[in-house]
C-alpha atoms as a PDB file:
ATOM      1  CA  UNK A   1      64.430-185.317  85.492  1.00  0.00           C
ATOM      2  CA  UNK A   2      61.665-186.685  83.261  1.00  0.00           C
ATOM      3  CA  UNK A   3      59.318-186.890  86.244  1.00  0.00           C
ATOM      4  CA  UNK A   4      60.026-183.266  87.207  1.00  0.00           C
ATOM      5  CA  UNK A   5      59.412-182.079  83.653  1.00  0.00           C
ATOM      6  CA  UNK A   6      56.170-184.048  83.529  1.00  0.00           C
ATOM      7  CA  UNK A   7      54.915-182.572  86.798  1.00  0.00           C
ATOM      8  CA  UNK A   8      55.794-179.061  85.634  1.00  0.00           C
ATOM      9  CA  UNK A   9      53.909-179.637  82.384  1.00  0.00           C
ATOM     10  CA  UNK A  10      50.817-180.885  84.197  1.00  0.00           C
ATOM     11  CA  UNK A  11      50.846-177.964  86.631  1.00  0.00           C
ATOM     12  CA  UNK A  12      51.324-175.263  84.003  1.00  0.00           C
ATOM     13  CA  UNK A  13      48.625-176.803  81.785  1.00  0.00           C
ATOM     14  CA  UNK A  14      46.167-176.836  84.681  1.00  0.00           C
ATOM     15  CA  UNK A  15      47.022-173.225  85.552  1.00  0.00           C
ATOM     16  CA  UNK A  16      46.425-172.169  81.951  1.00  0.00           C
ATOM     17  CA  UNK A  17      43.049-173.938  81.873  1.00  0.00           C
ATOM     18  CA  UNK A  18      41.936-172.319  85.124  1.00  0.00           C
ATOM     19  CA  UNK A  19      42.966-168.888  83.802  1.00  0.00           C
ATOM     20  CA  UNK A  20      40.983-169.496  80.621  1.00  0.00           C
ATOM     21  CA  UNK A  21      37.933-170.636  82.556  1.00  0.00           C
ATOM     22  CA  UNK A  22      37.925-167.610  84.862  1.00  0.00           C
ATOM     23  CA  UNK A  23      38.405-165.258  81.931  1.00  0.00           C
ATOM     24  CA  UNK A  24      35.425-166.810  80.153  1.00  0.00           C
ATOM     25  CA  UNK A  25      33.245-166.662  83.276  1.00  0.00           C
ATOM     26  CA  UNK A  26      34.029-162.946  83.675  1.00  0.00           C
ATOM     27  CA  UNK A  27      33.126-162.260  80.024  1.00  0.00           C
ATOM     28  CA  UNK A  28      29.917-164.298  80.168  1.00  0.00           C
ATOM     29  CA  UNK A  29      28.832-162.656  83.420  1.00  0.00           C
ATOM     30  CA  UNK A  30      29.408-159.126  82.147  1.00  0.00           C
ATOM     31  CA  UNK A  31      27.568-159.946  78.926  1.00  0.00           C
ATOM     32  CA  UNK A  32      24.625-161.509  80.753  1.00  0.00           C
ATOM     33  CA  UNK A  33      24.296-158.662  83.258  1.00  0.00           C
ATOM     34  CA  UNK A  34      24.437-156.084  80.451  1.00  0.00           C
ATOM     35  CA  UNK A  35      21.389-157.526  78.694  1.00  0.00           C
ATOM     36  CA  UNK A  36      19.210-159.003  81.454  1.00  0.00           C
ATOM     37  CA  UNK A  37      15.976-157.433  82.696  1.00  0.00           C
ATOM     38  CA  UNK A  38      12.292-157.015  81.862  1.00  0.00           C
ATOM     39  CA  UNK A  39      10.582-154.338  79.771  1.00  0.00           C
ATOM     40  CA  UNK A  40       7.077-153.653  81.103  1.00  0.00           C
ATOM     41  CA  UNK A  41       6.986-150.178  79.534  1.00  0.00           C
ATOM     42  CA  UNK A  42       9.430-148.267  77.324  1.00  0.00           C
ATOM     43  CA  UNK A  43      12.492-148.921  79.484  1.00  0.00           C
ATOM     44  CA  UNK A  44      14.097-152.111  80.759  1.00  0.00           C
ATOM     45  CA  UNK A  45      13.916-152.735  84.498  1.00  0.00           C
ATOM     46  CA  UNK A  46      16.804-154.551  86.159  1.00  0.00           C
ATOM     47  CA  UNK A  47      15.640-156.554  89.187  1.00  0.00           C
ATOM     48  CA  UNK A  48      17.404-158.186  92.111  1.00  0.00           C
ATOM     49  CA  UNK A  49      16.151-161.555  90.896  1.00  0.00           C
ATOM     50  CA  UNK A  50      17.864-160.918  87.536  1.00  0.00           C
ATOM     51  CA  UNK A  51      21.191-160.259  89.248  1.00  0.00           C
ATOM     52  CA  UNK A  52      20.792-163.367  91.383  1.00  0.00           C
ATOM     53  CA  UNK A  53      20.165-165.392  88.222  1.00  0.00           C
ATOM     54  CA  UNK A  54      23.312-164.224  86.431  1.00  0.00           C
ATOM     55  CA  UNK A  55      25.416-164.755  89.563  1.00  0.00           C
ATOM     56  CA  UNK A  56      23.969-168.234  89.888  1.00  0.00           C
ATOM     57  CA  UNK A  57      25.046-168.915  86.304  1.00  0.00           C
ATOM     58  CA  UNK A  58      28.611-167.892  87.211  1.00  0.00           C
ATOM     59  CA  UNK A  59      28.441-170.130  90.277  1.00  0.00           C
ATOM     60  CA  UNK A  60      27.501-173.113  88.110  1.00  0.00           C
ATOM     61  CA  UNK A  61      30.142-172.313  85.501  1.00  0.00           C
ATOM     62  CA  UNK A  62      32.838-172.154  88.161  1.00  0.00           C
ATOM     63  CA  UNK A  63      31.691-175.111  90.242  1.00  0.00           C
ATOM     64  CA  UNK A  64      34.399-177.467  88.938  1.00  0.00           C
ATOM     65  CA  UNK A  65      37.145-175.148  90.222  1.00  0.00           C
ATOM     66  CA  UNK A  66      35.346-174.076  93.405  1.00  0.00           C
ATOM     67  CA  UNK A  67      35.048-170.485  92.192  1.00  0.00           C
ATOM     68  CA  UNK A  68      32.815-169.193  94.965  1.00  0.00           C
ATOM     69  CA  UNK A  69      34.589-171.174  97.689  1.00  0.00           C
ATOM     70  CA  UNK A  70      38.047-170.000  96.655  1.00  0.00           C
ATOM     71  CA  UNK A  71      37.261-166.635  95.078  1.00  0.00           C
ATOM     72  CA  UNK A  72      35.218-163.466  94.912  1.00  0.00           C
ATOM     73  CA  UNK A  73      33.049-162.180  92.062  1.00  0.00           C
ATOM     74  CA  UNK A  74      32.089-158.485  91.956  1.00  0.00           C
ATOM     75  CA  UNK A  75      29.622-156.914  89.508  1.00  0.00           C
ATOM     76  CA  UNK A  76      29.632-153.108  89.354  1.00  0.00           C
ATOM     77  CA  UNK A  77      27.182-150.850  87.532  1.00  0.00           C
ATOM     78  CA  UNK A  78      29.321-147.972  86.265  1.00  0.00           C
ATOM     79  CA  UNK A  79      26.910-145.308  85.013  1.00  0.00           C
ATOM     80  CA  UNK A  80      27.226-141.924  83.329  1.00  0.00           C
ATOM     81  CA  UNK A  81      23.742-140.676  84.084  1.00  0.00           C
ATOM     82  CA  UNK A  82      22.016-137.567  85.322  1.00  0.00           C
ATOM     83  CA  UNK A  83      19.789-138.876  88.065  1.00  0.00           C
ATOM     84  CA  UNK A  84      16.794-136.908  89.321  1.00  0.00           C
ATOM     85  CA  UNK A  85      18.915-135.517  92.175  1.00  0.00           C
ATOM     86  CA  UNK A  86      21.894-134.535  89.945  1.00  0.00           C
ATOM     87  CA  UNK A  87      22.468-131.052  88.482  1.00  0.00           C
ATOM     88  CA  UNK A  88      24.426-132.607  85.589  1.00  0.00           C
ATOM     89  CA  UNK A  89      25.448-136.074  84.375  1.00  0.00           C
ATOM     90  CA  UNK A  90      28.072-137.735  86.574  1.00  0.00           C
ATOM     91  CA  UNK A  91      29.902-141.035  86.397  1.00  0.00           C
ATOM     92  CA  UNK A  92      29.446-143.224  89.443  1.00  0.00           C
ATOM     93  CA  UNK A  93      29.471-146.798  90.655  1.00  0.00           C
ATOM     94  CA  UNK A  94      25.759-146.875  91.363  1.00  0.00           C
ATOM     95  CA  UNK A  95      25.612-150.349  92.909  1.00  0.00           C
ATOM     96  CA  UNK A  96      27.545-153.608  93.247  1.00  0.00           C
ATOM     97  CA  UNK A  97      26.567-157.240  93.723  1.00  0.00           C
ATOM     98  CA  UNK A  98      28.893-160.040  94.859  1.00  0.00           C
ATOM     99  CA  UNK A  99      29.299-163.740  95.520  1.00  0.00           C
ATOM    100  CA  UNK A 100      32.210-165.735  96.915  1.00  0.00           C
ATOM    101  CA  UNK A 101      33.763-166.415 100.288  1.00  0.00           C
ATOM    102  CA  UNK A 102      37.188-164.807  99.813  1.00  0.00           C
ATOM    103  CA  UNK A 103      37.758-161.319 101.176  1.00  0.00           C
ATOM    104  CA  UNK A 104      35.892-161.650 104.448  1.00  0.00           C
ATOM    105  CA  UNK A 105      39.077-161.332 106.539  1.00  0.00           C
ATOM    106  CA  UNK A 106      41.846-158.726 106.386  1.00  0.00           C
ATOM    107  CA  UNK A 107      44.383-161.218 105.020  1.00  0.00           C
ATOM    108  CA  UNK A 108      42.124-161.747 101.980  1.00  0.00           C
ATOM    109  CA  UNK A 109      41.383-158.074 101.323  1.00  0.00           C
ATOM    110  CA  UNK A 110      42.990-158.300  97.855  1.00  0.00           C
ATOM    111  CA  UNK A 111      40.028-160.438  96.782  1.00  0.00           C
ATOM    112  CA  UNK A 112      37.586-157.546  97.223  1.00  0.00           C
ATOM    113  CA  UNK A 113      37.019-154.828  94.618  1.00  0.00           C
ATOM    114  CA  UNK A 114      40.249-153.289  93.334  1.00  0.00           C
ATOM    115  CA  UNK A 115      38.585-150.360  91.571  1.00  0.00           C
ATOM    116  CA  UNK A 116      36.077-148.790  93.942  1.00  0.00           C
ATOM    117  CA  UNK A 117      33.166-149.585  96.228  1.00  0.00           C
ATOM    118  CA  UNK A 118      29.585-148.398  95.915  1.00  0.00           C
ATOM    119  CA  UNK A 119      28.407-146.951  99.203  1.00  0.00           C
ATOM    120  CA  UNK A 120      26.341-147.504 101.248  1.00  0.00           C
ATOM    121  CA  UNK A 121      27.346-151.098 100.558  1.00  0.00           C
ATOM    122  CA  UNK A 122      23.959-152.625 101.388  1.00  0.00           C
ATOM    123  CA  UNK A 123      21.579-149.994 100.014  1.00  0.00           C
ATOM    124  CA  UNK A 124      23.407-148.258  97.132  1.00  0.00           C
ATOM    125  CA  UNK A 125      21.184-148.256  94.067  1.00  0.00           C
ATOM    126  CA  UNK A 126      18.145-149.710  95.825  1.00  0.00           C
ATOM    127  CA  UNK A 127      16.041-146.561  95.435  1.00  0.00           C
ATOM    128  CA  UNK A 128      16.078-143.206  93.643  1.00  0.00           C
ATOM    129  CA  UNK A 129      17.360-141.084  96.518  1.00  0.00           C
ATOM    130  CA  UNK A 130      20.713-139.271  96.847  1.00  0.00           C
ATOM    131  CA  UNK A 131      21.385-141.204 100.053  1.00  0.00           C
ATOM    132  CA  UNK A 132      21.773-144.357  97.951  1.00  0.00           C
ATOM    133  CA  UNK A 133      23.428-142.780  94.911  1.00  0.00           C
ATOM    134  CA  UNK A 134      26.583-144.882  95.135  1.00  0.00           C
ATOM    135  CA  UNK A 135      30.131-143.570  94.724  1.00  0.00           C
ATOM    136  CA  UNK A 136      31.442-141.005  92.240  1.00  0.00           C
ATOM    137  CA  UNK A 137      33.968-142.566  89.860  1.00  0.00           C
ATOM    138  CA  UNK A 138      34.952-139.833  87.371  1.00  0.00           C
ATOM    139  CA  UNK A 139      38.071-141.658  86.137  1.00  0.00           C
ATOM    140  CA  UNK A 140      36.299-144.941  85.387  1.00  0.00           C
ATOM    141  CA  UNK A 141      37.261-148.451  86.493  1.00  0.00           C
ATOM    142  CA  UNK A 142      40.198-150.667  85.659  1.00  0.00           C
ATOM    143  CA  UNK A 143      43.982-150.622  85.722  1.00  0.00           C
ATOM    144  CA  UNK A 144      45.949-147.551  84.556  1.00  0.00           C
ATOM    145  CA  UNK A 145      46.113-147.509  80.783  1.00  0.00           C
ATOM    146  CA  UNK A 146      43.060-149.728  80.384  1.00  0.00           C
ATOM    147  CA  UNK A 147      40.332-147.987  82.359  1.00  0.00           C
ATOM    148  CA  UNK A 148      36.696-148.297  81.312  1.00  0.00           C
ATOM    149  CA  UNK A 149      34.215-145.419  81.304  1.00  0.00           C
ATOM    150  CA  UNK A 150      30.476-145.456  80.664  1.00  0.00           C
ATOM    151  CA  UNK A 151      29.111-143.760  77.544  1.00  0.00           C
ATOM    152  CA  UNK A 152      27.113-140.561  78.162  1.00  0.00           C
ATOM    153  CA  UNK A 153      23.562-141.392  79.152  1.00  0.00           C
ATOM    154  CA  UNK A 154      24.282-145.083  79.608  1.00  0.00           C
ATOM    155  CA  UNK A 155      26.146-147.598  81.727  1.00  0.00           C
ATOM    156  CA  UNK A 156      28.751-150.332  81.709  1.00  0.00           C
ATOM    157  CA  UNK A 157      28.636-153.603  83.595  1.00  0.00           C
ATOM    158  CA  UNK A 158      32.122-154.138  85.032  1.00  0.00           C
ATOM    159  CA  UNK A 159      32.982-157.584  86.394  1.00  0.00           C
ATOM    160  CA  UNK A 160      36.005-158.414  88.544  1.00  0.00           C
ATOM    161  CA  UNK A 161      36.951-161.938  89.595  1.00  0.00           C
ATOM    162  CA  UNK A 162      39.683-162.782  92.087  1.00  0.00           C
ATOM    163  CA  UNK A 163      40.449-166.461  92.633  1.00  0.00           C
ATOM    164  CA  UNK A 164      42.834-168.335  94.890  1.00  0.00           C
ATOM    165  CA  UNK A 165      44.513-170.951  92.714  1.00  0.00           C
ATOM    166  CA  UNK A 166      45.252-174.272  94.384  1.00  0.00           C
ATOM    167  CA  UNK A 167      48.116-176.131  92.644  1.00  0.00           C
ATOM    168  CA  UNK A 168      47.670-179.752  91.662  1.00  0.00           C
ATOM    169  CA  UNK A 169      51.191-180.556  92.851  1.00  0.00           C
ATOM    170  CA  UNK A 170      53.101-177.677  94.443  1.00  0.00           C
ATOM    171  CA  UNK A 171      53.466-173.893  94.472  1.00  0.00           C
ATOM    172  CA  UNK A 172      57.163-174.498  93.879  1.00  0.00           C
ATOM    173  CA  UNK A 173      56.444-175.274  90.237  1.00  0.00           C
ATOM    174  CA  UNK A 174      54.549-172.038  89.449  1.00  0.00           C
ATOM    175  CA  UNK A 175      55.883-169.505  91.948  1.00  0.00           C
ATOM    176  CA  UNK A 176      54.285-168.032  95.044  1.00  0.00           C
ATOM    177  CA  UNK A 177      51.535-165.941  93.386  1.00  0.00           C
ATOM    178  CA  UNK A 178      48.251-167.778  93.885  1.00  0.00           C
ATOM    179  CA  UNK A 179      45.680-165.043  93.138  1.00  0.00           C
ATOM    180  CA  UNK A 180      44.224-165.100  89.644  1.00  0.00           C
ATOM    181  CA  UNK A 181      42.632-161.797  88.627  1.00  0.00           C
ATOM    182  CA  UNK A 182      40.406-161.035  85.639  1.00  0.00           C
ATOM    183  CA  UNK A 183      38.076-158.214  84.636  1.00  0.00           C
ATOM    184  CA  UNK A 184      35.512-157.845  81.859  1.00  0.00           C
ATOM    185  CA  UNK A 185      33.034-155.179  80.839  1.00  0.00           C
ATOM    186  CA  UNK A 186      30.094-154.729  78.473  1.00  0.00           C
ATOM    187  CA  UNK A 187      28.007-151.669  77.638  1.00  0.00           C
ATOM    188  CA  UNK A 188      24.375-152.058  78.702  1.00  0.00           C
ATOM    189  CA  UNK A 189      22.484-153.178  75.587  1.00  0.00           C
ATOM    190  CA  UNK A 190      18.918-152.006  76.078  1.00  0.00           C
ATOM    191  CA  UNK A 191      17.167-148.834  77.160  1.00  0.00           C
ATOM    192  CA  UNK A 192      17.693-149.610  80.836  1.00  0.00           C
ATOM    193  CA  UNK A 193      16.096-147.705  83.678  1.00  0.00           C
ATOM    194  CA  UNK A 194      19.170-146.650  85.666  1.00  0.00           C
ATOM    195  CA  UNK A 195      17.247-145.065  88.541  1.00  0.00           C
ATOM    196  CA  UNK A 196      17.640-148.128  90.772  1.00  0.00           C
ATOM    197  CA  UNK A 197      17.459-151.935  90.967  1.00  0.00           C
ATOM    198  CA  UNK A 198      13.867-153.079  91.278  1.00  0.00           C
ATOM    199  CA  UNK A 199      13.038-155.365  94.235  1.00  0.00           C
ATOM    200  CA  UNK A 200      10.067-157.190  92.675  1.00  0.00           C
ATOM    201  CA  UNK A 201       9.625-160.125  92.628  1.00  0.00           C
ATOM    202  CA  UNK A 202      10.883-160.429  96.180  1.00  0.00           C
ATOM    203  CA  UNK A 203      14.389-161.868  96.465  1.00  0.00           C
ATOM    204  CA  UNK A 204      17.413-161.495  98.739  1.00  0.00           C
ATOM    205  CA  UNK A 205      19.922-159.055  97.171  1.00  0.00           C
ATOM    206  CA  UNK A 206      23.471-160.382  96.695  1.00  0.00           C
ATOM    207  CA  UNK A 207      25.003-157.313  98.312  1.00  0.00           C
ATOM    208  CA  UNK A 208      28.736-157.137  98.882  1.00  0.00           C
ATOM    209  CA  UNK A 209      28.533-157.294 102.657  1.00  0.00           C
ATOM    210  CA  UNK A 210      27.811-161.002 102.227  1.00  0.00           C
ATOM    211  CA  UNK A 211      30.497-163.640 101.679  1.00  0.00           C
ATOM    212  CA  UNK A 212      28.474-166.618 100.537  1.00  0.00           C
ATOM    213  CA  UNK A 213      29.599-169.473  98.329  1.00  0.00           C
END
């Protein structure tokens, strides 16, 4: 009886710590992505290399729990902007960037974005053309009752993390649900250029067709 109680205590404590860690990673990532970029002129340019840097930070933060081996991290740029090809301001998921191996097979589909996908997946947001405008999202992102919308003329960085929790002892002690799910969002801080993500300096975009750890 004492042994069983001890094992349950260890398992629930570990589960709580993992939940806290994932929650903090989501918050840090959204905060970082909302402020990163360079300002060569009057507006801030967000570059692919900047997104790779903030995703790398999340990878390091989650290395002790195998975040990118056992999970999926999705960054979405939810924008309420009138682009050059728009007749009026619209809210859309302009682009998304991802890391993590989960979600590559049908059985793991719950680890992909729960709130919308920017299309075309590979090229959305990579230039200033309507072909790569992303996906309209007039109702915002998030669960019912707690959806997030972008302010007029600006954007929100919306982060979703799905993680497959591996028990220290047994699933029997914590139930059968193994997917841990957290979201976080921050309004873009600076006067960002929302026309597209800039490719320079050259780097490989972390587009959501890839499932890399």
